[in-house]
Amino acid sequence: MKGTEHSSPLSTFAPAKAKFLLLGSSGPHFAGLLLQGRSLNLEHVSPASVVQQEISRRTRSALPRDPNQLTMALLRKWFWARKPDAGFLLEGFPATLLQALVFDEWLEARSETITGCFALDPLSAEPVVTYYRTSGLLRGALPAAA
């Protein structure tokens, strides 16, 4: 008899090139999926992490002052710099319907697709959650942190 296998929401449909969105604010609720993603060699990316990396590379005065403009500019830079076949867990982005539409344009331009999305509350009426639920990409609720 084989050892007990741990069921993972990602393992059901997550090859190493999978691309997942973790919708909602960052926090401990993502811990389980982030650990699972790491075991699948999926890059973990968040707006906060790309902003922090950019701040460490150059002076704050050189960054756009508008938070939405800054997020979009830095995530665009990350997206176009990565290898197209690399998998990722993108946490906290897109946060608005406009960001989701722009992100879809980026994906389409590279002939890529999202594998799926997880949300804190998959039945939420938030526009981004509704958008991905309607598109059939919402896979369910985020599992509780371990």
C-alpha atoms as a PDB file:
ATOM      1  CA  MET A   1       0.000   0.000   0.000  1.00  0.00           C
ATOM      2  CA  LYS A   2       1.308   3.432  -0.899  1.00  0.00           C
ATOM      3  CA  GLY A   3       1.727   6.147   1.724  1.00  0.00           C
ATOM      4  CA  THR A   4      -1.080   8.559   2.318  1.00  0.00           C
ATOM      5  CA  GLU A   5      -0.999  11.278  -0.304  1.00  0.00           C
ATOM      6  CA  HIS A   6      -1.864  14.832   0.581  1.00  0.00           C
ATOM      7  CA  SER A   7      -4.570  16.234  -1.642  1.00  0.00           C
ATOM      8  CA  SER A   8      -3.667  19.580  -3.135  1.00  0.00           C
ATOM      9  CA  PRO A   9      -5.997  21.931  -4.981  1.00  0.00           C
ATOM     10  CA  LEU A  10      -3.126  22.595  -7.386  1.00  0.00           C
ATOM     11  CA  SER A  11      -2.106  18.966  -7.974  1.00  0.00           C
ATOM     12  CA  THR A  12      -5.380  18.224  -9.748  1.00  0.00           C
ATOM     13  CA  PHE A  13      -4.491  20.474 -12.677  1.00  0.00           C
ATOM     14  CA  ALA A  14      -1.034  21.915 -12.084  1.00  0.00           C
ATOM     15  CA  PRO A  15       1.789  20.928 -14.350  1.00  0.00           C
ATOM     16  CA  ALA A  16       5.054  22.821 -13.843  1.00  0.00           C
ATOM     17  CA  LYS A  17       3.932  25.355 -16.458  1.00  0.00           C
ATOM     18  CA  ALA A  18       0.600  26.122 -14.761  1.00  0.00           C
ATOM     19  CA  LYS A  19      -0.418  29.737 -14.275  1.00  0.00           C
ATOM     20  CA  PHE A  20      -2.648  30.498 -11.285  1.00  0.00           C
ATOM     21  CA  LEU A  21      -4.147  33.698  -9.914  1.00  0.00           C
ATOM     22  CA  LEU A  22      -4.718  34.024  -6.163  1.00  0.00           C
ATOM     23  CA  LEU A  23      -7.461  36.624  -5.900  1.00  0.00           C
ATOM     24  CA  GLY A  24      -7.786  38.788  -2.823  1.00  0.00           C
ATOM     25  CA  SER A  25      -5.466  40.526  -0.421  1.00  0.00           C
ATOM     26  CA  SER A  26      -2.194  38.902   0.585  1.00  0.00           C
ATOM     27  CA  GLY A  27      -2.099  37.034   3.848  1.00  0.00           C
ATOM     28  CA  PRO A  28      -1.794  33.697   5.618  1.00  0.00           C
ATOM     29  CA  HIS A  29      -4.753  32.266   3.682  1.00  0.00           C
ATOM     30  CA  PHE A  30      -2.359  31.791   0.739  1.00  0.00           C
ATOM     31  CA  ALA A  31       0.212  29.803   2.753  1.00  0.00           C
ATOM     32  CA  GLY A  32      -0.988  26.338   1.735  1.00  0.00           C
ATOM     33  CA  LEU A  33      -1.164  27.096  -1.963  1.00  0.00           C
ATOM     34  CA  LEU A  34       2.202  28.861  -1.913  1.00  0.00           C
ATOM     35  CA  LEU A  35       3.856  25.797  -0.385  1.00  0.00           C
ATOM     36  CA  GLN A  36       2.197  23.556  -2.963  1.00  0.00           C
ATOM     37  CA  GLY A  37       3.251  25.923  -5.753  1.00  0.00           C
ATOM     38  CA  ARG A  38       6.825  25.900  -4.510  1.00  0.00           C
ATOM     39  CA  SER A  39       6.864  22.092  -4.644  1.00  0.00           C
ATOM     40  CA  LEU A  40       5.748  22.357  -8.300  1.00  0.00           C
ATOM     41  CA  ASN A  41       8.443  24.987  -9.003  1.00  0.00           C
ATOM     42  CA  LEU A  42       5.869  27.696  -9.704  1.00  0.00           C
ATOM     43  CA  GLU A  43       7.189  31.236  -9.306  1.00  0.00           C
ATOM     44  CA  HIS A  44       5.390  33.203  -6.580  1.00  0.00           C
ATOM     45  CA  VAL A  45       4.774  36.812  -7.614  1.00  0.00           C
ATOM     46  CA  SER A  46       2.807  39.608  -5.950  1.00  0.00           C
ATOM     47  CA  PRO A  47       2.520  43.343  -6.513  1.00  0.00           C
ATOM     48  CA  ALA A  48       4.221  43.913  -3.144  1.00  0.00           C
ATOM     49  CA  SER A  49       7.191  41.727  -4.066  1.00  0.00           C
ATOM     50  CA  VAL A  50       7.777  43.380  -7.457  1.00  0.00           C
ATOM     51  CA  VAL A  51       7.508  46.858  -5.916  1.00  0.00           C
ATOM     52  CA  GLN A  52       9.986  45.891  -3.187  1.00  0.00           C
ATOM     53  CA  GLN A  53      12.424  44.507  -5.769  1.00  0.00           C
ATOM     54  CA  GLU A  54      12.160  47.657  -7.859  1.00  0.00           C
ATOM     55  CA  ILE A  55      12.687  49.927  -4.851  1.00  0.00           C
ATOM     56  CA  SER A  56      15.845  48.015  -3.980  1.00  0.00           C
ATOM     57  CA  ARG A  57      17.103  48.537  -7.558  1.00  0.00           C
ATOM     58  CA  ARG A  58      16.538  52.272  -7.895  1.00  0.00           C
ATOM     59  CA  THR A  59      15.522  55.356  -5.980  1.00  0.00           C
ATOM     60  CA  ARG A  60      11.944  55.817  -4.918  1.00  0.00           C
ATOM     61  CA  SER A  61      11.768  59.159  -6.748  1.00  0.00           C
ATOM     62  CA  ALA A  62      12.170  57.347 -10.084  1.00  0.00           C
ATOM     63  CA  LEU A  63       9.010  55.270  -9.509  1.00  0.00           C
ATOM     64  CA  PRO A  64       5.527  56.368 -10.625  1.00  0.00           C
ATOM     65  CA  ARG A  65       3.649  58.006  -7.754  1.00  0.00           C
ATOM     66  CA  ASP A  66       0.207  56.611  -8.593  1.00  0.00           C
ATOM     67  CA  PRO A  67      -0.101  53.165  -6.894  1.00  0.00           C
ATOM     68  CA  ASN A  68      -2.206  51.644  -9.698  1.00  0.00           C
ATOM     69  CA  GLN A  69       0.173  52.961 -12.368  1.00  0.00           C
ATOM     70  CA  LEU A  70       3.149  51.624 -10.384  1.00  0.00           C
ATOM     71  CA  THR A  71       1.554  48.170  -9.993  1.00  0.00           C
ATOM     72  CA  MET A  72       0.665  47.931 -13.670  1.00  0.00           C
ATOM     73  CA  ALA A  73       4.087  49.131 -14.838  1.00  0.00           C
ATOM     74  CA  LEU A  74       6.034  46.738 -12.628  1.00  0.00           C
ATOM     75  CA  LEU A  75       3.829  43.721 -13.292  1.00  0.00           C
ATOM     76  CA  ARG A  76       4.002  44.450 -17.020  1.00  0.00           C
ATOM     77  CA  LYS A  77       7.804  44.491 -16.709  1.00  0.00           C
ATOM     78  CA  TRP A  78       7.757  41.160 -14.802  1.00  0.00           C
ATOM     79  CA  PHE A  79       5.299  39.558 -17.241  1.00  0.00           C
ATOM     80  CA  TRP A  80       7.242  40.405 -20.396  1.00  0.00           C
ATOM     81  CA  ALA A  81      10.625  39.513 -18.841  1.00  0.00           C
ATOM     82  CA  ARG A  82       9.624  35.992 -17.769  1.00  0.00           C
ATOM     83  CA  LYS A  83       9.895  32.892 -19.920  1.00  0.00           C
ATOM     84  CA  PRO A  84       6.535  32.233 -21.607  1.00  0.00           C
ATOM     85  CA  ASP A  85       6.455  28.589 -20.559  1.00  0.00           C
ATOM     86  CA  ALA A  86       7.256  29.293 -16.881  1.00  0.00           C
ATOM     87  CA  GLY A  87       4.490  28.617 -14.388  1.00  0.00           C
ATOM     88  CA  PHE A  88       3.499  31.061 -11.659  1.00  0.00           C
ATOM     89  CA  LEU A  89       1.249  31.839  -8.727  1.00  0.00           C
ATOM     90  CA  LEU A  90       0.271  35.495  -9.082  1.00  0.00           C
ATOM     91  CA  GLU A  91      -0.995  36.722  -5.732  1.00  0.00           C
ATOM     92  CA  GLY A  92      -3.208  39.794  -5.359  1.00  0.00           C
ATOM     93  CA  PHE A  93      -3.283  40.684  -9.056  1.00  0.00           C
ATOM     94  CA  PRO A  94      -5.423  41.504 -10.883  1.00  0.00           C
ATOM     95  CA  ALA A  95      -7.217  43.429  -8.160  1.00  0.00           C
ATOM     96  CA  THR A  96      -9.612  45.354 -10.416  1.00  0.00           C
ATOM     97  CA  LEU A  97     -11.650  44.482 -13.464  1.00  0.00           C
ATOM     98  CA  LEU A  98      -9.533  46.858 -15.574  1.00  0.00           C
ATOM     99  CA  GLN A  99      -6.359  45.082 -14.430  1.00  0.00           C
ATOM    100  CA  ALA A 100      -7.956  41.714 -15.301  1.00  0.00           C
ATOM    101  CA  LEU A 101      -8.806  42.904 -18.805  1.00  0.00           C
ATOM    102  CA  VAL A 102      -5.307  44.291 -19.363  1.00  0.00           C
ATOM    103  CA  PHE A 103      -3.751  41.089 -17.995  1.00  0.00           C
ATOM    104  CA  ASP A 104      -5.877  39.068 -20.423  1.00  0.00           C
ATOM    105  CA  GLU A 105      -4.495  41.202 -23.270  1.00  0.00           C
ATOM    106  CA  TRP A 106      -0.938  40.425 -22.143  1.00  0.00           C
ATOM    107  CA  LEU A 107      -1.720  36.709 -22.024  1.00  0.00           C
ATOM    108  CA  GLU A 108      -3.384  36.778 -25.434  1.00  0.00           C
ATOM    109  CA  ALA A 109      -0.415  38.611 -26.968  1.00  0.00           C
ATOM    110  CA  ARG A 110       1.824  35.733 -25.839  1.00  0.00           C
ATOM    111  CA  SER A 111      -0.733  32.994 -26.670  1.00  0.00           C
ATOM    112  CA  GLU A 112      -0.887  32.010 -22.994  1.00  0.00           C
ATOM    113  CA  THR A 113      -3.802  31.123 -20.768  1.00  0.00           C
ATOM    114  CA  ILE A 114      -4.459  31.026 -17.050  1.00  0.00           C
ATOM    115  CA  THR A 115      -4.804  27.519 -15.610  1.00  0.00           C
ATOM    116  CA  GLY A 116      -7.151  28.673 -12.875  1.00  0.00           C
ATOM    117  CA  CYS A 117      -7.934  31.110 -10.094  1.00  0.00           C
ATOM    118  CA  PHE A 118      -8.595  30.741  -6.386  1.00  0.00           C
ATOM    119  CA  ALA A 119     -10.466  33.290  -4.284  1.00  0.00           C
ATOM    120  CA  LEU A 120     -11.056  33.757  -0.585  1.00  0.00           C
ATOM    121  CA  ASP A 121     -14.782  33.774  -1.284  1.00  0.00           C
ATOM    122  CA  PRO A 122     -15.585  32.231  -4.684  1.00  0.00           C
ATOM    123  CA  LEU A 123     -19.212  33.345  -4.359  1.00  0.00           C
ATOM    124  CA  SER A 124     -18.179  36.962  -3.869  1.00  0.00           C
ATOM    125  CA  ALA A 125     -19.795  39.632  -6.017  1.00  0.00           C
ATOM    126  CA  GLU A 126     -16.424  41.392  -6.407  1.00  0.00           C
ATOM    127  CA  PRO A 127     -15.997  42.279 -10.100  1.00  0.00           C
ATOM    128  CA  VAL A 128     -12.692  40.381 -10.496  1.00  0.00           C
ATOM    129  CA  VAL A 129     -14.083  37.214  -8.869  1.00  0.00           C
ATOM    130  CA  THR A 130     -17.242  37.467 -10.965  1.00  0.00           C
ATOM    131  CA  TYR A 131     -15.149  37.956 -14.115  1.00  0.00           C
ATOM    132  CA  TYR A 132     -13.091  34.808 -13.548  1.00  0.00           C
ATOM    133  CA  ARG A 133     -16.107  32.801 -12.326  1.00  0.00           C
ATOM    134  CA  THR A 134     -17.990  33.759 -15.535  1.00  0.00           C
ATOM    135  CA  SER A 135     -14.974  32.806 -17.654  1.00  0.00           C
ATOM    136  CA  GLY A 136     -14.890  29.357 -16.013  1.00  0.00           C
ATOM    137  CA  LEU A 137     -11.433  29.857 -14.488  1.00  0.00           C
ATOM    138  CA  LEU A 138     -12.438  30.120 -10.839  1.00  0.00           C
ATOM    139  CA  ARG A 139     -11.479  26.806  -9.188  1.00  0.00           C
ATOM    140  CA  GLY A 140     -12.836  27.474  -5.728  1.00  0.00           C
ATOM    141  CA  ALA A 141     -12.008  28.852  -2.333  1.00  0.00           C
ATOM    142  CA  LEU A 142      -8.524  29.192  -0.962  1.00  0.00           C
ATOM    143  CA  PRO A 143      -7.781  26.480   1.575  1.00  0.00           C
ATOM    144  CA  ALA A 144      -7.217  27.603   5.154  1.00  0.00           C
ATOM    145  CA  ALA A 145      -3.634  28.269   6.190  1.00  0.00           C
ATOM    146  CA  ALA A 146      -1.907  25.333   7.800  1.00  0.00           C
END
